[in-house]
Structure formats: C-alpha cells, structure tokens
Amino acid sequence: MTKKTNICVVGLGYVGLPTAVNFADKGFNVIGVDKNKEIVDMISVGECHLKDLNIDERLRKVVKNKRLRVSTNIV
C-alpha cells in the first residue's frame, strides 16, 4: 500500500476515529464517514468528541493538513 492510497473509515467512534487519525498521521489520505452529523461537524473543524482518547492535537493537525476529511455520505 502506497501513501497515495485513499483509505475510508466507516464509523468515527472509539475504534474508527483513532484508526483514521493514525493512518492520516502517517501520510495517507483518509475519508472518515459517520452517520451522526454533529460528530462529523466537530471533526471537520478539528474537534474531538471523544475526550478520553488524547488525540486532540493529532486530529487538529491531520484535519488542518487535509489528510483527514469527514462526511455523513459514504457514496
């Protein structure tokens, strides 16, 4: 898998969000999808809805660098 590979993570909860952030932090382009619009809206501006994971800074970085994009639409 090259870093030009696009990765889609479906579900941005306790497993999906850290997975998406880890891949994005390693340089991959990641699309995160969740059905909850409030969660998507928070992540899209670099805010983490899961405060106990301590990934806030990494999340802000990958969103700012456009390595992680989020949507409510899987298509």
PDB file of N, CA and C in Angstrom:
ATOM      1  N   MET A   1       0.854  -1.171   0.000  1.00  0.00           N
ATOM      2  CA  MET A   1       0.000   0.000   0.000  1.00  0.00           C
ATOM      3  C   MET A   1       0.902   1.236   0.000  1.00  0.00           C
ATOM      4  N   THR A   2       0.667   2.139  -0.954  1.00  0.00           N
ATOM      5  CA  THR A   2       1.437   3.376  -1.004  1.00  0.00           C
ATOM      6  C   THR A   2       0.674   4.473  -0.277  1.00  0.00           C
ATOM      7  N   LYS A   3       1.383   5.546   0.029  1.00  0.00           N
ATOM      8  CA  LYS A   3       0.725   6.647   0.736  1.00  0.00           C
ATOM      9  C   LYS A   3      -0.195   7.438  -0.181  1.00  0.00           C
ATOM     10  N   LYS A   4      -0.239   7.089  -1.456  1.00  0.00           N
ATOM     11  CA  LYS A   4      -1.202   7.702  -2.366  1.00  0.00           C
ATOM     12  C   LYS A   4      -2.539   6.971  -2.303  1.00  0.00           C
ATOM     13  N   THR A   5      -2.570   5.872  -1.572  1.00  0.00           N
ATOM     14  CA  THR A   5      -3.792   5.101  -1.394  1.00  0.00           C
ATOM     15  C   THR A   5      -4.788   5.902  -0.561  1.00  0.00           C
ATOM     16  N   ASN A   6      -6.038   5.915  -0.990  1.00  0.00           N
ATOM     17  CA  ASN A   6      -7.101   6.544  -0.210  1.00  0.00           C
ATOM     18  C   ASN A   6      -7.716   5.497   0.700  1.00  0.00           C
ATOM     19  N   ILE A   7      -7.928   5.869   1.949  1.00  0.00           N
ATOM     20  CA  ILE A   7      -8.498   4.956   2.930  1.00  0.00           C
ATOM     21  C   ILE A   7      -9.818   5.544   3.418  1.00  0.00           C
ATOM     22  N   CYS A   8     -10.828   4.693   3.530  1.00  0.00           N
ATOM     23  CA  CYS A   8     -12.116   5.118   4.071  1.00  0.00           C
ATOM     24  C   CYS A   8     -12.370   4.369   5.364  1.00  0.00           C
ATOM     25  N   VAL A   9     -12.680   5.114   6.417  1.00  0.00           N
ATOM     26  CA  VAL A   9     -13.012   4.520   7.706  1.00  0.00           C
ATOM     27  C   VAL A   9     -14.476   4.834   7.980  1.00  0.00           C
ATOM     28  N   VAL A  10     -15.270   3.793   8.150  1.00  0.00           N
ATOM     29  CA  VAL A  10     -16.701   3.958   8.390  1.00  0.00           C
ATOM     30  C   VAL A  10     -16.961   3.808   9.884  1.00  0.00           C
ATOM     31  N   GLY A  11     -17.515   4.863  10.487  1.00  0.00           N
ATOM     32  CA  GLY A  11     -17.768   4.890  11.921  1.00  0.00           C
ATOM     33  C   GLY A  11     -16.611   5.578  12.625  1.00  0.00           C
ATOM     34  N   LEU A  12     -16.871   6.737  13.218  1.00  0.00           N
ATOM     35  CA  LEU A  12     -15.809   7.529  13.839  1.00  0.00           C
ATOM     36  C   LEU A  12     -15.955   7.566  15.351  1.00  0.00           C
ATOM     37  N   GLY A  13     -16.069   6.363  15.921  1.00  0.00           N
ATOM     38  CA  GLY A  13     -16.166   6.210  17.371  1.00  0.00           C
ATOM     39  C   GLY A  13     -14.815   5.844  17.958  1.00  0.00           C
ATOM     40  N   TYR A  14     -14.833   5.044  19.020  1.00  0.00           N
ATOM     41  CA  TYR A  14     -13.621   4.703  19.758  1.00  0.00           C
ATOM     42  C   TYR A  14     -12.619   3.869  18.962  1.00  0.00           C
ATOM     43  N   VAL A  15     -13.053   3.176  17.945  1.00  0.00           N
ATOM     44  CA  VAL A  15     -12.134   2.418  17.098  1.00  0.00           C
ATOM     45  C   VAL A  15     -11.848   3.188  15.805  1.00  0.00           C
ATOM     46  N   GLY A  16     -12.892   3.668  15.165  1.00  0.00           N
ATOM     47  CA  GLY A  16     -12.746   4.305  13.854  1.00  0.00           C
ATOM     48  C   GLY A  16     -11.962   5.603  13.856  1.00  0.00           C
ATOM     49  N   LEU A  17     -12.238   6.490  14.815  1.00  0.00           N
ATOM     50  CA  LEU A  17     -11.562   7.784  14.818  1.00  0.00           C
ATOM     51  C   LEU A  17     -10.053   7.644  15.046  1.00  0.00           C
ATOM     52  N   PRO A  18      -9.608   6.892  16.060  1.00  0.00           N
ATOM     53  CA  PRO A  18      -8.161   6.736  16.213  1.00  0.00           C
ATOM     54  C   PRO A  18      -7.505   6.052  15.007  1.00  0.00           C
ATOM     55  N   THR A  19      -8.218   5.105  14.402  1.00  0.00           N
ATOM     56  CA  THR A  19      -7.696   4.442  13.209  1.00  0.00           C
ATOM     57  C   THR A  19      -7.514   5.450  12.082  1.00  0.00           C
ATOM     58  N   ALA A  20      -8.522   6.278  11.860  1.00  0.00           N
ATOM     59  CA  ALA A  20      -8.451   7.300  10.810  1.00  0.00           C
ATOM     60  C   ALA A  20      -7.322   8.290  11.082  1.00  0.00           C
ATOM     61  N   VAL A  21      -7.198   8.735  12.318  1.00  0.00           N
ATOM     62  CA  VAL A  21      -6.147   9.692  12.680  1.00  0.00           C
ATOM     63  C   VAL A  21      -4.772   9.058  12.506  1.00  0.00           C
ATOM     64  N   ASN A  22      -4.606   7.802  12.909  1.00  0.00           N
ATOM     65  CA  ASN A  22      -3.310   7.134  12.765  1.00  0.00           C
ATOM     66  C   ASN A  22      -2.890   7.026  11.303  1.00  0.00           C
ATOM     67  N   PHE A  23      -3.795   6.587  10.441  1.00  0.00           N
ATOM     68  CA  PHE A  23      -3.468   6.498   9.014  1.00  0.00           C
ATOM     69  C   PHE A  23      -3.143   7.879   8.443  1.00  0.00           C
ATOM     70  N   ALA A  24      -3.953   8.871   8.772  1.00  0.00           N
ATOM     71  CA  ALA A  24      -3.726  10.235   8.270  1.00  0.00           C
ATOM     72  C   ALA A  24      -2.409  10.797   8.788  1.00  0.00           C
ATOM     73  N   ASP A  25      -2.093  10.509  10.039  1.00  0.00           N
ATOM     74  CA  ASP A  25      -0.848  10.981  10.640  1.00  0.00           C
ATOM     75  C   ASP A  25       0.374  10.362   9.975  1.00  0.00           C
ATOM     76  N   LYS A  26       0.196   9.185   9.390  1.00  0.00           N
ATOM     77  CA  LYS A  26       1.286   8.514   8.671  1.00  0.00           C
ATOM     78  C   LYS A  26       1.378   8.949   7.213  1.00  0.00           C
ATOM     79  N   GLY A  27       0.508   9.884   6.801  1.00  0.00           N
ATOM     80  CA  GLY A  27       0.609  10.443   5.465  1.00  0.00           C
ATOM     81  C   GLY A  27      -0.410   9.966   4.450  1.00  0.00           C
ATOM     82  N   PHE A  28      -1.315   9.108   4.866  1.00  0.00           N
ATOM     83  CA  PHE A  28      -2.352   8.630   3.956  1.00  0.00           C
ATOM     84  C   PHE A  28      -3.495   9.637   3.881  1.00  0.00           C
ATOM     85  N   ASN A  29      -4.201   9.648   2.757  1.00  0.00           N
ATOM     86  CA  ASN A  29      -5.418  10.442   2.611  1.00  0.00           C
ATOM     87  C   ASN A  29      -6.575   9.595   3.125  1.00  0.00           C
ATOM     88  N   VAL A  30      -7.274  10.104   4.140  1.00  0.00           N
ATOM     89  CA  VAL A  30      -8.322   9.330   4.796  1.00  0.00           C
ATOM     90  C   VAL A  30      -9.645  10.078   4.703  1.00  0.00           C
ATOM     91  N   ILE A  31     -10.685   9.313   4.387  1.00  0.00           N
ATOM     92  CA  ILE A  31     -12.044   9.830   4.432  1.00  0.00           C
ATOM     93  C   ILE A  31     -12.745   9.091   5.559  1.00  0.00           C
ATOM     94  N   GLY A  32     -13.212   9.850   6.547  1.00  0.00           N
ATOM     95  CA  GLY A  32     -13.942   9.268   7.662  1.00  0.00           C
ATOM     96  C   GLY A  32     -15.426   9.506   7.459  1.00  0.00           C
ATOM     97  N   VAL A  33     -16.224   8.469   7.672  1.00  0.00           N
ATOM     98  CA  VAL A  33     -17.667   8.567   7.461  1.00  0.00           C
ATOM     99  C   VAL A  33     -18.391   8.181   8.747  1.00  0.00           C
ATOM    100  N   ASP A  34     -19.357   8.988   9.117  1.00  0.00           N
ATOM    101  CA  ASP A  34     -20.195   8.669  10.269  1.00  0.00           C
ATOM    102  C   ASP A  34     -21.602   9.179   9.976  1.00  0.00           C
ATOM    103  N   LYS A  35     -22.606   8.478  10.463  1.00  0.00           N
ATOM    104  CA  LYS A  35     -23.987   8.899  10.200  1.00  0.00           C
ATOM    105  C   LYS A  35     -24.416  10.075  11.073  1.00  0.00           C
ATOM    106  N   ASN A  36     -23.664  10.333  12.147  1.00  0.00           N
ATOM    107  CA  ASN A  36     -24.007  11.405  13.077  1.00  0.00           C
ATOM    108  C   ASN A  36     -23.409  12.732  12.594  1.00  0.00           C
ATOM    109  N   LYS A  37     -24.266  13.630  12.131  1.00  0.00           N
ATOM    110  CA  LYS A  37     -23.813  14.907  11.572  1.00  0.00           C
ATOM    111  C   LYS A  37     -23.072  15.757  12.602  1.00  0.00           C
ATOM    112  N   GLU A  38     -23.497  15.718  13.861  1.00  0.00           N
ATOM    113  CA  GLU A  38     -22.818  16.504  14.901  1.00  0.00           C
ATOM    114  C   GLU A  38     -21.363  16.062  15.068  1.00  0.00           C
ATOM    115  N   ILE A  39     -21.132  14.758  15.042  1.00  0.00           N
ATOM    116  CA  ILE A  39     -19.770  14.238  15.147  1.00  0.00           C
ATOM    117  C   ILE A  39     -18.954  14.667  13.936  1.00  0.00           C
ATOM    118  N   VAL A  40     -19.520  14.535  12.762  1.00  0.00           N
ATOM    119  CA  VAL A  40     -18.831  14.934  11.530  1.00  0.00           C
ATOM    120  C   VAL A  40     -18.503  16.419  11.557  1.00  0.00           C
ATOM    121  N   ASP A  41     -19.452  17.237  11.998  1.00  0.00           N
ATOM    122  CA  ASP A  41     -19.214  18.681  12.070  1.00  0.00           C
ATOM    123  C   ASP A  41     -18.081  19.017  13.032  1.00  0.00           C
ATOM    124  N   MET A  42     -18.023  18.346  14.170  1.00  0.00           N
ATOM    125  CA  MET A  42     -16.943  18.594  15.137  1.00  0.00           C
ATOM    126  C   MET A  42     -15.586  18.203  14.565  1.00  0.00           C
ATOM    127  N   ILE A  43     -15.515  17.007  14.007  1.00  0.00           N
ATOM    128  CA  ILE A  43     -14.239  16.522  13.476  1.00  0.00           C
ATOM    129  C   ILE A  43     -13.780  17.388  12.312  1.00  0.00           C
ATOM    130  N   SER A  44     -14.699  17.861  11.497  1.00  0.00           N
ATOM    131  CA  SER A  44     -14.320  18.655  10.317  1.00  0.00           C
ATOM    132  C   SER A  44     -13.625  19.962  10.676  1.00  0.00           C
ATOM    133  N   VAL A  45     -13.788  20.428  11.919  1.00  0.00           N
ATOM    134  CA  VAL A  45     -13.083  21.633  12.364  1.00  0.00           C
ATOM    135  C   VAL A  45     -11.971  21.282  13.358  1.00  0.00           C
ATOM    136  N   GLY A  46     -11.641  19.984  13.438  1.00  0.00           N
ATOM    137  CA  GLY A  46     -10.525  19.555  14.266  1.00  0.00           C
ATOM    138  C   GLY A  46     -10.838  19.339  15.732  1.00  0.00           C
ATOM    139  N   GLU A  47     -12.113  19.202  16.069  1.00  0.00           N
ATOM    140  CA  GLU A  47     -12.506  18.966  17.463  1.00  0.00           C
ATOM    141  C   GLU A  47     -12.852  17.494  17.663  1.00  0.00           C
ATOM    142  N   CYS A  48     -12.342  16.937  18.741  1.00  0.00           N
ATOM    143  CA  CYS A  48     -12.584  15.527  19.045  1.00  0.00           C
ATOM    144  C   CYS A  48     -13.753  15.380  20.011  1.00  0.00           C
ATOM    145  N   HIS A  49     -14.710  14.541  19.681  1.00  0.00           N
ATOM    146  CA  HIS A  49     -15.867  14.298  20.549  1.00  0.00           C
ATOM    147  C   HIS A  49     -15.571  13.234  21.608  1.00  0.00           C
ATOM    148  N   LEU A  50     -14.430  12.585  21.524  1.00  0.00           N
ATOM    149  CA  LEU A  50     -14.034  11.538  22.469  1.00  0.00           C
ATOM    150  C   LEU A  50     -12.866  12.058  23.299  1.00  0.00           C
ATOM    151  N   LYS A  51     -13.168  12.713  24.393  1.00  0.00           N
ATOM    152  CA  LYS A  51     -12.153  13.431  25.175  1.00  0.00           C
ATOM    153  C   LYS A  51     -11.149  12.522  25.867  1.00  0.00           C
ATOM    154  N   ASP A  52     -11.492  11.283  26.139  1.00  0.00           N
ATOM    155  CA  ASP A  52     -10.591  10.416  26.888  1.00  0.00           C
ATOM    156  C   ASP A  52      -9.545   9.702  26.023  1.00  0.00           C
ATOM    157  N   LEU A  53      -9.500   9.992  24.722  1.00  0.00           N
ATOM    158  CA  LEU A  53      -8.532   9.333  23.844  1.00  0.00           C
ATOM    159  C   LEU A  53      -7.213  10.094  23.701  1.00  0.00           C
ATOM    160  N   ASN A  54      -7.204  11.358  24.082  1.00  0.00           N
ATOM    161  CA  ASN A  54      -5.982  12.184  23.985  1.00  0.00           C
ATOM    162  C   ASN A  54      -5.401  12.234  22.574  1.00  0.00           C
ATOM    163  N   ILE A  55      -6.273  12.397  21.575  1.00  0.00           N
ATOM    164  CA  ILE A  55      -5.792  12.526  20.195  1.00  0.00           C
ATOM    165  C   ILE A  55      -6.128  13.904  19.623  1.00  0.00           C
ATOM    166  N   ASP A  56      -6.530  14.831  20.485  1.00  0.00           N
ATOM    167  CA  ASP A  56      -6.986  16.146  20.031  1.00  0.00           C
ATOM    168  C   ASP A  56      -5.967  16.860  19.150  1.00  0.00           C
ATOM    169  N   GLU A  57      -4.720  16.913  19.578  1.00  0.00           N
ATOM    170  CA  GLU A  57      -3.691  17.628  18.821  1.00  0.00           C
ATOM    171  C   GLU A  57      -3.421  16.966  17.473  1.00  0.00           C
ATOM    172  N   ARG A  58      -3.331  15.647  17.468  1.00  0.00           N
ATOM    173  CA  ARG A  58      -3.098  14.922  16.210  1.00  0.00           C
ATOM    174  C   ARG A  58      -4.280  15.085  15.263  1.00  0.00           C
ATOM    175  N   LEU A  59      -5.492  15.067  15.812  1.00  0.00           N
ATOM    176  CA  LEU A  59      -6.692  15.260  14.992  1.00  0.00           C
ATOM    177  C   LEU A  59      -6.673  16.632  14.338  1.00  0.00           C
ATOM    178  N   ARG A  60      -6.400  17.672  15.116  1.00  0.00           N
ATOM    179  CA  ARG A  60      -6.332  19.032  14.554  1.00  0.00           C
ATOM    180  C   ARG A  60      -5.304  19.099  13.423  1.00  0.00           C
ATOM    181  N   LYS A  61      -4.158  18.473  13.626  1.00  0.00           N
ATOM    182  CA  LYS A  61      -3.087  18.509  12.627  1.00  0.00           C
ATOM    183  C   LYS A  61      -3.506  17.850  11.315  1.00  0.00           C
ATOM    184  N   VAL A  62      -4.093  16.650  11.384  1.00  0.00           N
ATOM    185  CA  VAL A  62      -4.443  15.945  10.146  1.00  0.00           C
ATOM    186  C   VAL A  62      -5.621  16.593   9.432  1.00  0.00           C
ATOM    187  N   VAL A  63      -6.525  17.221  10.184  1.00  0.00           N
ATOM    188  CA  VAL A  63      -7.626  17.958   9.549  1.00  0.00           C
ATOM    189  C   VAL A  63      -7.071  19.209   8.872  1.00  0.00           C
ATOM    190  N   LYS A  64      -6.201  19.931   9.568  1.00  0.00           N
ATOM    191  CA  LYS A  64      -5.601  21.143   9.002  1.00  0.00           C
ATOM    192  C   LYS A  64      -4.805  20.833   7.737  1.00  0.00           C
ATOM    193  N   ASN A  65      -4.075  19.722   7.752  1.00  0.00           N
ATOM    194  CA  ASN A  65      -3.261  19.317   6.596  1.00  0.00           C
ATOM    195  C   ASN A  65      -4.084  18.634   5.505  1.00  0.00           C
ATOM    196  N   LYS A  66      -5.380  18.512   5.732  1.00  0.00           N
ATOM    197  CA  LYS A  66      -6.320  17.896   4.779  1.00  0.00           C
ATOM    198  C   LYS A  66      -5.989  16.439   4.489  1.00  0.00           C
ATOM    199  N   ARG A  67      -5.394  15.766   5.459  1.00  0.00           N
ATOM    200  CA  ARG A  67      -5.157  14.326   5.354  1.00  0.00           C
ATOM    201  C   ARG A  67      -6.381  13.547   5.798  1.00  0.00           C
ATOM    202  N   LEU A  68      -7.199  14.180   6.638  1.00  0.00           N
ATOM    203  CA  LEU A  68      -8.445  13.561   7.095  1.00  0.00           C
ATOM    204  C   LEU A  68      -9.606  14.467   6.733  1.00  0.00           C
ATOM    205  N   ARG A  69     -10.501  13.920   5.922  1.00  0.00           N
ATOM    206  CA  ARG A  69     -11.749  14.602   5.578  1.00  0.00           C
ATOM    207  C   ARG A  69     -12.890  13.733   6.075  1.00  0.00           C
ATOM    208  N   VAL A  70     -13.986  14.361   6.439  1.00  0.00           N
ATOM    209  CA  VAL A  70     -15.105  13.596   7.004  1.00  0.00           C
ATOM    210  C   VAL A  70     -16.412  13.917   6.279  1.00  0.00           C
ATOM    211  N   SER A  71     -17.322  12.963   6.346  1.00  0.00           N
ATOM    212  CA  SER A  71     -18.600  13.101   5.658  1.00  0.00           C
ATOM    213  C   SER A  71     -19.651  12.223   6.326  1.00  0.00           C
ATOM    214  N   THR A  72     -20.903  12.550   6.081  1.00  0.00           N
ATOM    215  CA  THR A  72     -22.003  11.678   6.504  1.00  0.00           C
ATOM    216  C   THR A  72     -22.443  10.781   5.345  1.00  0.00           C
ATOM    217  N   ASN A  73     -21.853  10.979   4.187  1.00  0.00           N
ATOM    218  CA  ASN A  73     -22.240  10.252   2.971  1.00  0.00           C
ATOM    219  C   ASN A  73     -21.153   9.283   2.558  1.00  0.00           C
ATOM    220  N   ILE A  74     -21.473   8.003   2.509  1.00  0.00           N
ATOM    221  CA  ILE A  74     -20.471   7.003   2.156  1.00  0.00           C
ATOM    222  C   ILE A  74     -20.266   6.880   0.649  1.00  0.00           C
ATOM    223  N   VAL A  75     -21.161   7.426  -0.127  1.00  0.00           N
ATOM    224  CA  VAL A  75     -21.039   7.322  -1.588  1.00  0.00           C
ATOM    225  C   VAL A  75     -20.108   8.374  -2.127  1.00  0.00           C
TER     226      VAL A  75
END
